[in-house]
C-alpha atoms as a PDB file:
ATOM      1  CA  UNK A   1      94.825  89.665 141.892  1.00  0.00           C
ATOM      2  CA  UNK A   2      92.523  87.802 144.266  1.00  0.00           C
ATOM      3  CA  UNK A   3      93.511  85.601 147.181  1.00  0.00           C
ATOM      4  CA  UNK A   4      90.855  83.504 149.006  1.00  0.00           C
ATOM      5  CA  UNK A   5      91.334  81.303 152.084  1.00  0.00           C
ATOM      6  CA  UNK A   6      89.363  78.142 152.865  1.00  0.00           C
ATOM      7  CA  UNK A   7      89.457  76.311 156.194  1.00  0.00           C
ATOM      8  CA  UNK A   8      89.966  72.531 156.259  1.00  0.00           C
ATOM      9  CA  UNK A   9      87.484  70.038 157.681  1.00  0.00           C
ATOM     10  CA  UNK A  10      87.718  69.273 161.399  1.00  0.00           C
ATOM     11  CA  UNK A  11      89.706  66.074 160.907  1.00  0.00           C
ATOM     12  CA  UNK A  12      92.375  67.916 158.878  1.00  0.00           C
ATOM     13  CA  UNK A  13      92.559  71.072 161.039  1.00  0.00           C
ATOM     14  CA  UNK A  14      95.572  69.762 163.021  1.00  0.00           C
ATOM     15  CA  UNK A  15      97.524  69.344 159.774  1.00  0.00           C
ATOM     16  CA  UNK A  16      96.370  71.995 157.280  1.00  0.00           C
ATOM     17  CA  UNK A  17      96.562  75.693 158.163  1.00  0.00           C
ATOM     18  CA  UNK A  18      94.306  76.570 155.234  1.00  0.00           C
ATOM     19  CA  UNK A  19      93.679  76.080 151.533  1.00  0.00           C
ATOM     20  CA  UNK A  20      93.825  79.037 149.208  1.00  0.00           C
ATOM     21  CA  UNK A  21      92.967  80.012 145.667  1.00  0.00           C
ATOM     22  CA  UNK A  22      95.054  82.669 143.940  1.00  0.00           C
ATOM     23  CA  UNK A  23      93.689  84.147 140.727  1.00  0.00           C
ATOM     24  CA  UNK A  24      95.131  86.799 138.435  1.00  0.00           C
ATOM     25  CA  UNK A  25      93.328  88.043 135.317  1.00  0.00           C
ATOM     26  CA  UNK A  26      96.254  90.132 134.156  1.00  0.00           C
ATOM     27  CA  UNK A  27      98.702  88.617 131.696  1.00  0.00           C
ATOM     28  CA  UNK A  28     101.306  91.295 132.434  1.00  0.00           C
ATOM     29  CA  UNK A  29     104.661  89.852 133.480  1.00  0.00           C
ATOM     30  CA  UNK A  30     106.044  90.791 136.864  1.00  0.00           C
ATOM     31  CA  UNK A  31     108.772  89.775 139.270  1.00  0.00           C
ATOM     32  CA  UNK A  32     108.397  89.429 143.018  1.00  0.00           C
ATOM     33  CA  UNK A  33     110.011  87.673 145.952  1.00  0.00           C
ATOM     34  CA  UNK A  34     108.706  85.130 148.458  1.00  0.00           C
ATOM     35  CA  UNK A  35     109.939  85.294 152.043  1.00  0.00           C
ATOM     36  CA  UNK A  36     110.222  82.568 154.717  1.00  0.00           C
ATOM     37  CA  UNK A  37     106.864  81.598 156.221  1.00  0.00           C
ATOM     38  CA  UNK A  38     107.837  78.569 158.319  1.00  0.00           C
ATOM     39  CA  UNK A  39     105.326  76.415 156.430  1.00  0.00           C
ATOM     40  CA  UNK A  40     105.515  74.123 153.414  1.00  0.00           C
ATOM     41  CA  UNK A  41     102.962  74.304 150.619  1.00  0.00           C
ATOM     42  CA  UNK A  42     101.646  72.173 147.782  1.00  0.00           C
ATOM     43  CA  UNK A  43     100.312  74.149 144.823  1.00  0.00           C
ATOM     44  CA  UNK A  44      98.230  72.965 141.868  1.00  0.00           C
ATOM     45  CA  UNK A  45      98.473  75.294 138.872  1.00  0.00           C
ATOM     46  CA  UNK A  46      95.113  75.271 137.100  1.00  0.00           C
ATOM     47  CA  UNK A  47      95.454  78.288 134.793  1.00  0.00           C
ATOM     48  CA  UNK A  48      97.247  79.009 131.556  1.00  0.00           C
ATOM     49  CA  UNK A  49      99.996  81.105 133.126  1.00  0.00           C
ATOM     50  CA  UNK A  50     103.413  79.959 134.255  1.00  0.00           C
ATOM     51  CA  UNK A  51     105.684  80.738 137.183  1.00  0.00           C
ATOM     52  CA  UNK A  52     109.450  80.763 137.291  1.00  0.00           C
ATOM     53  CA  UNK A  53     111.715  80.719 140.319  1.00  0.00           C
ATOM     54  CA  UNK A  54     115.323  81.797 140.638  1.00  0.00           C
ATOM     55  CA  UNK A  55     117.791  78.903 140.756  1.00  0.00           C
ATOM     56  CA  UNK A  56     121.477  79.876 140.822  1.00  0.00           C
ATOM     57  CA  UNK A  57     120.598  83.319 139.413  1.00  0.00           C
ATOM     58  CA  UNK A  58     118.564  81.847 136.537  1.00  0.00           C
ATOM     59  CA  UNK A  59     114.784  81.764 136.267  1.00  0.00           C
ATOM     60  CA  UNK A  60     113.516  78.192 135.869  1.00  0.00           C
ATOM     61  CA  UNK A  61     109.909  77.274 135.064  1.00  0.00           C
ATOM     62  CA  UNK A  62     108.166  75.679 138.031  1.00  0.00           C
ATOM     63  CA  UNK A  63     106.197  72.413 137.624  1.00  0.00           C
ATOM     64  CA  UNK A  64     102.417  72.312 137.251  1.00  0.00           C
ATOM     65  CA  UNK A  65     102.166  70.593 140.647  1.00  0.00           C
ATOM     66  CA  UNK A  66     104.557  72.291 143.049  1.00  0.00           C
ATOM     67  CA  UNK A  67     105.913  71.333 146.444  1.00  0.00           C
ATOM     68  CA  UNK A  68     107.443  74.326 148.180  1.00  0.00           C
ATOM     69  CA  UNK A  69     110.041  73.335 150.739  1.00  0.00           C
ATOM     70  CA  UNK A  70     110.975  75.551 153.646  1.00  0.00           C
ATOM     71  CA  UNK A  71     112.055  78.936 152.302  1.00  0.00           C
ATOM     72  CA  UNK A  72     114.856  80.212 154.538  1.00  0.00           C
ATOM     73  CA  UNK A  73     115.944  83.224 152.458  1.00  0.00           C
ATOM     74  CA  UNK A  74     114.340  85.494 149.833  1.00  0.00           C
ATOM     75  CA  UNK A  75     113.269  83.545 146.749  1.00  0.00           C
ATOM     76  CA  UNK A  76     112.794  85.521 143.530  1.00  0.00           C
ATOM     77  CA  UNK A  77     109.833  84.502 141.356  1.00  0.00           C
ATOM     78  CA  UNK A  78     108.508  85.642 137.979  1.00  0.00           C
ATOM     79  CA  UNK A  79     104.953  85.478 136.658  1.00  0.00           C
ATOM     80  CA  UNK A  80     103.868  85.068 133.055  1.00  0.00           C
ATOM     81  CA  UNK A  81     100.238  84.939 131.960  1.00  0.00           C
ATOM     82  CA  UNK A  82      96.955  84.553 133.838  1.00  0.00           C
ATOM     83  CA  UNK A  83      96.800  82.289 136.875  1.00  0.00           C
ATOM     84  CA  UNK A  84      94.505  80.056 138.857  1.00  0.00           C
ATOM     85  CA  UNK A  85      96.327  78.298 141.683  1.00  0.00           C
ATOM     86  CA  UNK A  86      94.974  76.045 144.411  1.00  0.00           C
ATOM     87  CA  UNK A  87      97.321  75.767 147.358  1.00  0.00           C
ATOM     88  CA  UNK A  88      97.572  73.692 150.520  1.00  0.00           C
ATOM     89  CA  UNK A  89      99.397  75.437 153.346  1.00  0.00           C
ATOM     90  CA  UNK A  90     100.525  72.875 155.909  1.00  0.00           C
ATOM     91  CA  UNK A  91     101.453  73.680 159.481  1.00  0.00           C
ATOM     92  CA  UNK A  92     105.194  73.819 160.122  1.00  0.00           C
ATOM     93  CA  UNK A  93     105.305  70.286 161.532  1.00  0.00           C
ATOM     94  CA  UNK A  94     102.582  68.586 159.518  1.00  0.00           C
ATOM     95  CA  UNK A  95     103.947  68.355 155.959  1.00  0.00           C
ATOM     96  CA  UNK A  96     106.116  65.483 157.238  1.00  0.00           C
ATOM     97  CA  UNK A  97     102.932  63.506 157.825  1.00  0.00           C
ATOM     98  CA  UNK A  98     102.237  63.400 154.086  1.00  0.00           C
ATOM     99  CA  UNK A  99     105.727  62.878 152.631  1.00  0.00           C
ATOM    100  CA  UNK A 100     108.175  60.043 153.151  1.00  0.00           C
ATOM    101  CA  UNK A 101     111.381  62.023 152.738  1.00  0.00           C
ATOM    102  CA  UNK A 102     113.044  63.991 155.503  1.00  0.00           C
ATOM    103  CA  UNK A 103     111.586  67.445 155.023  1.00  0.00           C
ATOM    104  CA  UNK A 104     114.942  69.241 154.993  1.00  0.00           C
ATOM    105  CA  UNK A 105     115.813  67.850 151.547  1.00  0.00           C
ATOM    106  CA  UNK A 106     113.214  70.211 150.045  1.00  0.00           C
ATOM    107  CA  UNK A 107     114.553  73.405 151.637  1.00  0.00           C
ATOM    108  CA  UNK A 108     114.795  76.484 149.397  1.00  0.00           C
ATOM    109  CA  UNK A 109     113.504  74.738 146.298  1.00  0.00           C
ATOM    110  CA  UNK A 110     110.305  74.058 144.408  1.00  0.00           C
ATOM    111  CA  UNK A 111     109.997  70.354 143.628  1.00  0.00           C
ATOM    112  CA  UNK A 112     107.718  68.505 141.210  1.00  0.00           C
ATOM    113  CA  UNK A 113     105.078  66.923 143.426  1.00  0.00           C
ATOM    114  CA  UNK A 114     104.074  64.661 140.549  1.00  0.00           C
ATOM    115  CA  UNK A 115     107.545  63.106 140.553  1.00  0.00           C
ATOM    116  CA  UNK A 116     107.508  62.728 144.335  1.00  0.00           C
ATOM    117  CA  UNK A 117     104.041  61.204 144.744  1.00  0.00           C
ATOM    118  CA  UNK A 118     103.429  59.656 141.328  1.00  0.00           C
ATOM    119  CA  UNK A 119     100.152  58.931 139.584  1.00  0.00           C
ATOM    120  CA  UNK A 120      97.749  59.596 142.522  1.00  0.00           C
ATOM    121  CA  UNK A 121      98.659  63.285 142.662  1.00  0.00           C
ATOM    122  CA  UNK A 122      98.704  63.577 138.849  1.00  0.00           C
ATOM    123  CA  UNK A 123      95.201  62.094 138.742  1.00  0.00           C
ATOM    124  CA  UNK A 124      94.140  64.601 141.409  1.00  0.00           C
ATOM    125  CA  UNK A 125      95.534  67.459 139.309  1.00  0.00           C
ATOM    126  CA  UNK A 126      93.557  66.236 136.287  1.00  0.00           C
ATOM    127  CA  UNK A 127      90.379  66.063 138.388  1.00  0.00           C
ATOM    128  CA  UNK A 128      90.937  69.600 139.642  1.00  0.00           C
ATOM    129  CA  UNK A 129      91.297  70.812 136.052  1.00  0.00           C
ATOM    130  CA  UNK A 130      88.024  69.147 135.082  1.00  0.00           C
ATOM    131  CA  UNK A 131      85.890  71.093 137.567  1.00  0.00           C
ATOM    132  CA  UNK A 132      85.615  74.855 138.020  1.00  0.00           C
ATOM    133  CA  UNK A 133      83.580  74.608 141.236  1.00  0.00           C
ATOM    134  CA  UNK A 134      85.664  75.749 144.226  1.00  0.00           C
ATOM    135  CA  UNK A 135      83.860  73.586 146.778  1.00  0.00           C
ATOM    136  CA  UNK A 136      84.304  70.477 144.638  1.00  0.00           C
ATOM    137  CA  UNK A 137      87.983  71.255 144.203  1.00  0.00           C
ATOM    138  CA  UNK A 138      88.465  71.560 147.969  1.00  0.00           C
ATOM    139  CA  UNK A 139      86.547  68.292 148.463  1.00  0.00           C
ATOM    140  CA  UNK A 140      88.880  66.503 146.024  1.00  0.00           C
ATOM    141  CA  UNK A 141      91.912  67.833 147.896  1.00  0.00           C
ATOM    142  CA  UNK A 142      90.489  66.720 151.237  1.00  0.00           C
ATOM    143  CA  UNK A 143      89.722  63.206 150.000  1.00  0.00           C
ATOM    144  CA  UNK A 144      93.312  62.890 148.794  1.00  0.00           C
ATOM    145  CA  UNK A 145      94.802  64.172 152.069  1.00  0.00           C
ATOM    146  CA  UNK A 146      92.564  61.993 154.231  1.00  0.00           C
ATOM    147  CA  UNK A 147      93.777  58.887 152.434  1.00  0.00           C
ATOM    148  CA  UNK A 148      97.396  59.944 153.003  1.00  0.00           C
ATOM    149  CA  UNK A 149      96.571  60.634 156.647  1.00  0.00           C
ATOM    150  CA  UNK A 150      95.264  57.098 157.122  1.00  0.00           C
ATOM    151  CA  UNK A 151      98.184  55.546 155.239  1.00  0.00           C
ATOM    152  CA  UNK A 152     100.719  57.345 157.454  1.00  0.00           C
ATOM    153  CA  UNK A 153      98.954  56.902 160.789  1.00  0.00           C
ATOM    154  CA  UNK A 154     102.085  55.433 162.404  1.00  0.00           C
ATOM    155  CA  UNK A 155     103.779  58.843 162.177  1.00  0.00           C
ATOM    156  CA  UNK A 156     101.238  60.512 164.450  1.00  0.00           C
ATOM    157  CA  UNK A 157     103.134  60.159 167.764  1.00  0.00           C
ATOM    158  CA  UNK A 158     106.310  61.923 166.605  1.00  0.00           C
ATOM    159  CA  UNK A 159     104.435  64.530 164.561  1.00  0.00           C
ATOM    160  CA  UNK A 160     102.242  65.386 167.552  1.00  0.00           C
ATOM    161  CA  UNK A 161     105.316  65.639 169.792  1.00  0.00           C
ATOM    162  CA  UNK A 162     106.960  68.091 167.380  1.00  0.00           C
ATOM    163  CA  UNK A 163     103.740  70.119 167.281  1.00  0.00           C
ATOM    164  CA  UNK A 164     103.753  70.402 171.082  1.00  0.00           C
ATOM    165  CA  UNK A 165     107.414  71.483 171.139  1.00  0.00           C
ATOM    166  CA  UNK A 166     106.851  74.156 168.483  1.00  0.00           C
ATOM    167  CA  UNK A 167     103.827  75.446 170.377  1.00  0.00           C
ATOM    168  CA  UNK A 168     105.913  75.890 173.519  1.00  0.00           C
ATOM    169  CA  UNK A 169     108.592  77.765 171.534  1.00  0.00           C
ATOM    170  CA  UNK A 170     105.976  80.079 169.992  1.00  0.00           C
ATOM    171  CA  UNK A 171     104.519  80.905 173.399  1.00  0.00           C
ATOM    172  CA  UNK A 172     107.798  82.520 174.383  1.00  0.00           C
ATOM    173  CA  UNK A 173     109.666  83.906 171.337  1.00  0.00           C
ATOM    174  CA  UNK A 174     112.528  85.117 173.550  1.00  0.00           C
ATOM    175  CA  UNK A 175     113.192  81.576 174.797  1.00  0.00           C
ATOM    176  CA  UNK A 176     116.297  80.265 173.029  1.00  0.00           C
ATOM    177  CA  UNK A 177     117.626  77.859 175.634  1.00  0.00           C
ATOM    178  CA  UNK A 178     117.307  74.428 174.047  1.00  0.00           C
ATOM    179  CA  UNK A 179     118.127  72.701 177.319  1.00  0.00           C
ATOM    180  CA  UNK A 180     115.132  74.307 179.037  1.00  0.00           C
ATOM    181  CA  UNK A 181     112.793  73.450 176.164  1.00  0.00           C
ATOM    182  CA  UNK A 182     114.094  69.872 175.930  1.00  0.00           C
ATOM    183  CA  UNK A 183     113.753  69.378 179.671  1.00  0.00           C
ATOM    184  CA  UNK A 184     110.108  70.446 179.576  1.00  0.00           C
ATOM    185  CA  UNK A 185     109.433  67.682 177.051  1.00  0.00           C
ATOM    186  CA  UNK A 186     111.568  64.991 178.659  1.00  0.00           C
ATOM    187  CA  UNK A 187     114.174  64.705 175.887  1.00  0.00           C
ATOM    188  CA  UNK A 188     117.805  65.733 175.331  1.00  0.00           C
ATOM    189  CA  UNK A 189     118.687  68.954 173.463  1.00  0.00           C
ATOM    190  CA  UNK A 190     120.380  66.883 170.758  1.00  0.00           C
ATOM    191  CA  UNK A 191     117.279  64.770 170.178  1.00  0.00           C
ATOM    192  CA  UNK A 192     115.069  67.874 170.237  1.00  0.00           C
ATOM    193  CA  UNK A 193     117.156  69.449 167.468  1.00  0.00           C
ATOM    194  CA  UNK A 194     117.064  66.228 165.403  1.00  0.00           C
ATOM    195  CA  UNK A 195     113.331  65.729 165.896  1.00  0.00           C
ATOM    196  CA  UNK A 196     112.419  69.268 164.854  1.00  0.00           C
ATOM    197  CA  UNK A 197     114.718  69.359 161.824  1.00  0.00           C
ATOM    198  CA  UNK A 198     113.554  65.942 160.625  1.00  0.00           C
ATOM    199  CA  UNK A 199     109.900  67.004 160.673  1.00  0.00           C
ATOM    200  CA  UNK A 200     110.142  70.681 159.714  1.00  0.00           C
ATOM    201  CA  UNK A 201     113.382  71.238 157.803  1.00  0.00           C
ATOM    202  CA  UNK A 202     114.261  73.916 160.358  1.00  0.00           C
ATOM    203  CA  UNK A 203     116.435  74.046 163.437  1.00  0.00           C
ATOM    204  CA  UNK A 204     114.673  75.231 166.607  1.00  0.00           C
ATOM    205  CA  UNK A 205     116.462  78.592 166.390  1.00  0.00           C
ATOM    206  CA  UNK A 206     115.527  79.015 162.699  1.00  0.00           C
ATOM    207  CA  UNK A 207     111.905  78.221 163.481  1.00  0.00           C
ATOM    208  CA  UNK A 208     111.939  80.806 166.255  1.00  0.00           C
ATOM    209  CA  UNK A 209     113.450  83.479 164.002  1.00  0.00           C
ATOM    210  CA  UNK A 210     110.983  82.837 161.173  1.00  0.00           C
ATOM    211  CA  UNK A 211     108.080  82.864 163.617  1.00  0.00           C
ATOM    212  CA  UNK A 212     109.192  86.272 164.932  1.00  0.00           C
ATOM    213  CA  UNK A 213     109.762  87.523 161.385  1.00  0.00           C
ATOM    214  CA  UNK A 214     106.246  86.570 160.302  1.00  0.00           C
ATOM    215  CA  UNK A 215     104.785  88.322 163.330  1.00  0.00           C
ATOM    216  CA  UNK A 216     106.805  91.428 162.482  1.00  0.00           C
ATOM    217  CA  UNK A 217     105.337  91.486 158.948  1.00  0.00           C
ATOM    218  CA  UNK A 218     101.832  91.645 160.391  1.00  0.00           C
ATOM    219  CA  UNK A 219     102.802  94.496 162.714  1.00  0.00           C
ATOM    220  CA  UNK A 220     104.563  96.400 159.920  1.00  0.00           C
ATOM    221  CA  UNK A 221     101.505  96.021 157.688  1.00  0.00           C
ATOM    222  CA  UNK A 222      99.408  97.859 160.307  1.00  0.00           C
ATOM    223  CA  UNK A 223     101.864 100.771 160.093  1.00  0.00           C
ATOM    224  CA  UNK A 224     101.016 102.084 163.562  1.00  0.00           C
ATOM    225  CA  UNK A 225     104.139 101.253 165.594  1.00  0.00           C
ATOM    226  CA  UNK A 226     107.780 102.382 165.528  1.00  0.00           C
ATOM    227  CA  UNK A 227     110.316  99.678 164.695  1.00  0.00           C
ATOM    228  CA  UNK A 228     111.626  99.695 168.259  1.00  0.00           C
ATOM    229  CA  UNK A 229     108.201  98.648 169.571  1.00  0.00           C
ATOM    230  CA  UNK A 230     107.843  96.019 166.850  1.00  0.00           C
ATOM    231  CA  UNK A 231     111.253  94.591 167.771  1.00  0.00           C
ATOM    232  CA  UNK A 232     110.280  94.236 171.443  1.00  0.00           C
ATOM    233  CA  UNK A 233     106.828  92.828 170.628  1.00  0.00           C
ATOM    234  CA  UNK A 234     108.518  90.162 168.482  1.00  0.00           C
ATOM    235  CA  UNK A 235     110.850  89.080 171.276  1.00  0.00           C
ATOM    236  CA  UNK A 236     113.998  90.971 170.322  1.00  0.00           C
ATOM    237  CA  UNK A 237     116.104  92.675 172.962  1.00  0.00           C
ATOM    238  CA  UNK A 238     117.015  95.552 170.671  1.00  0.00           C
ATOM    239  CA  UNK A 239     116.187  97.006 167.270  1.00  0.00           C
ATOM    240  CA  UNK A 240     119.545  96.164 165.657  1.00  0.00           C
ATOM    241  CA  UNK A 241     119.022  92.405 166.057  1.00  0.00           C
ATOM    242  CA  UNK A 242     115.518  92.729 164.628  1.00  0.00           C
ATOM    243  CA  UNK A 243     116.789  94.630 161.571  1.00  0.00           C
ATOM    244  CA  UNK A 244     119.590  92.096 161.024  1.00  0.00           C
ATOM    245  CA  UNK A 245     117.198  89.124 161.031  1.00  0.00           C
ATOM    246  CA  UNK A 246     114.623  90.972 158.919  1.00  0.00           C
ATOM    247  CA  UNK A 247     117.213  91.783 156.278  1.00  0.00           C
ATOM    248  CA  UNK A 248     118.402  88.154 156.160  1.00  0.00           C
ATOM    249  CA  UNK A 249     114.837  87.052 155.325  1.00  0.00           C
ATOM    250  CA  UNK A 250     113.926  89.814 152.854  1.00  0.00           C
ATOM    251  CA  UNK A 251     117.182  91.296 151.588  1.00  0.00           C
ATOM    252  CA  UNK A 252     116.091  94.765 152.716  1.00  0.00           C
ATOM    253  CA  UNK A 253     115.611  96.718 155.939  1.00  0.00           C
ATOM    254  CA  UNK A 254     112.132  97.025 157.502  1.00  0.00           C
ATOM    255  CA  UNK A 255     111.817 100.667 156.384  1.00  0.00           C
ATOM    256  CA  UNK A 256     112.649  99.822 152.752  1.00  0.00           C
ATOM    257  CA  UNK A 257     110.255  96.868 152.863  1.00  0.00           C
ATOM    258  CA  UNK A 258     107.425  99.013 154.270  1.00  0.00           C
ATOM    259  CA  UNK A 259     107.811 101.495 151.410  1.00  0.00           C
ATOM    260  CA  UNK A 260     107.870  98.751 148.771  1.00  0.00           C
ATOM    261  CA  UNK A 261     105.470  95.990 149.846  1.00  0.00           C
ATOM    262  CA  UNK A 262     104.974  93.921 146.698  1.00  0.00           C
ATOM    263  CA  UNK A 263     101.570  92.684 145.426  1.00  0.00           C
ATOM    264  CA  UNK A 264     102.159  89.007 146.267  1.00  0.00           C
ATOM    265  CA  UNK A 265     103.477  89.671 149.769  1.00  0.00           C
ATOM    266  CA  UNK A 266     100.679  92.154 150.490  1.00  0.00           C
ATOM    267  CA  UNK A 267      98.203  89.370 149.787  1.00  0.00           C
ATOM    268  CA  UNK A 268     100.128  86.816 151.865  1.00  0.00           C
ATOM    269  CA  UNK A 269     100.157  88.892 155.056  1.00  0.00           C
ATOM    270  CA  UNK A 270      96.455  89.760 155.025  1.00  0.00           C
END
């Protein structure tokens, strides 16, 4: 398995965390699980392999052009065949810039991006299949996103406001008083909740928990701190609350996770 990151151009840096290419030369089948990241992703499958995701305890084949909504709980996946995947990882707030629906409708599911965006994204997928050059593939993606950015320019004020609110929440993971956060941004707590959910698919508290969870994964991967220290570093007041949240996002305790880090998740936290 190989996982490569590519940074976006300067004009897209406020909206795209990174692009990535995932390649696997092995045709061996395997199962894994994807955990909440706080970000939405669009994925173009360019290889011969297929992916399946668990829907109501059944594995369903995912589309060739995938839109991953917010994952709020462990999502089981299954791989078949060799893969080449080109992904776009949006920032938590910025996927709403490129899609017309309220983001929450995509939560915990993998949607067909071709059905959602029609022929332009299907044409893009065909163009990506035609070239094997990584730089040209990234350039095609950027041209597509820049056009969407221009078309949806009117959304910029609200999207930027959500970005500023999320930044202030991330600066202080222990801050869970919506009234204080809302007051800092000159809005009511009710409007703050609505604004964040509309543009991220997450409540402010869910965003905060996922943000802390992702930070904990990075600390666990280093394997040089006790769980008590990790809990405090991630903004928890005690280890029991940390373990409870961690288990809700992974299905296992931190110690079990550390002993069984799966191939896909090892790549994702690098």
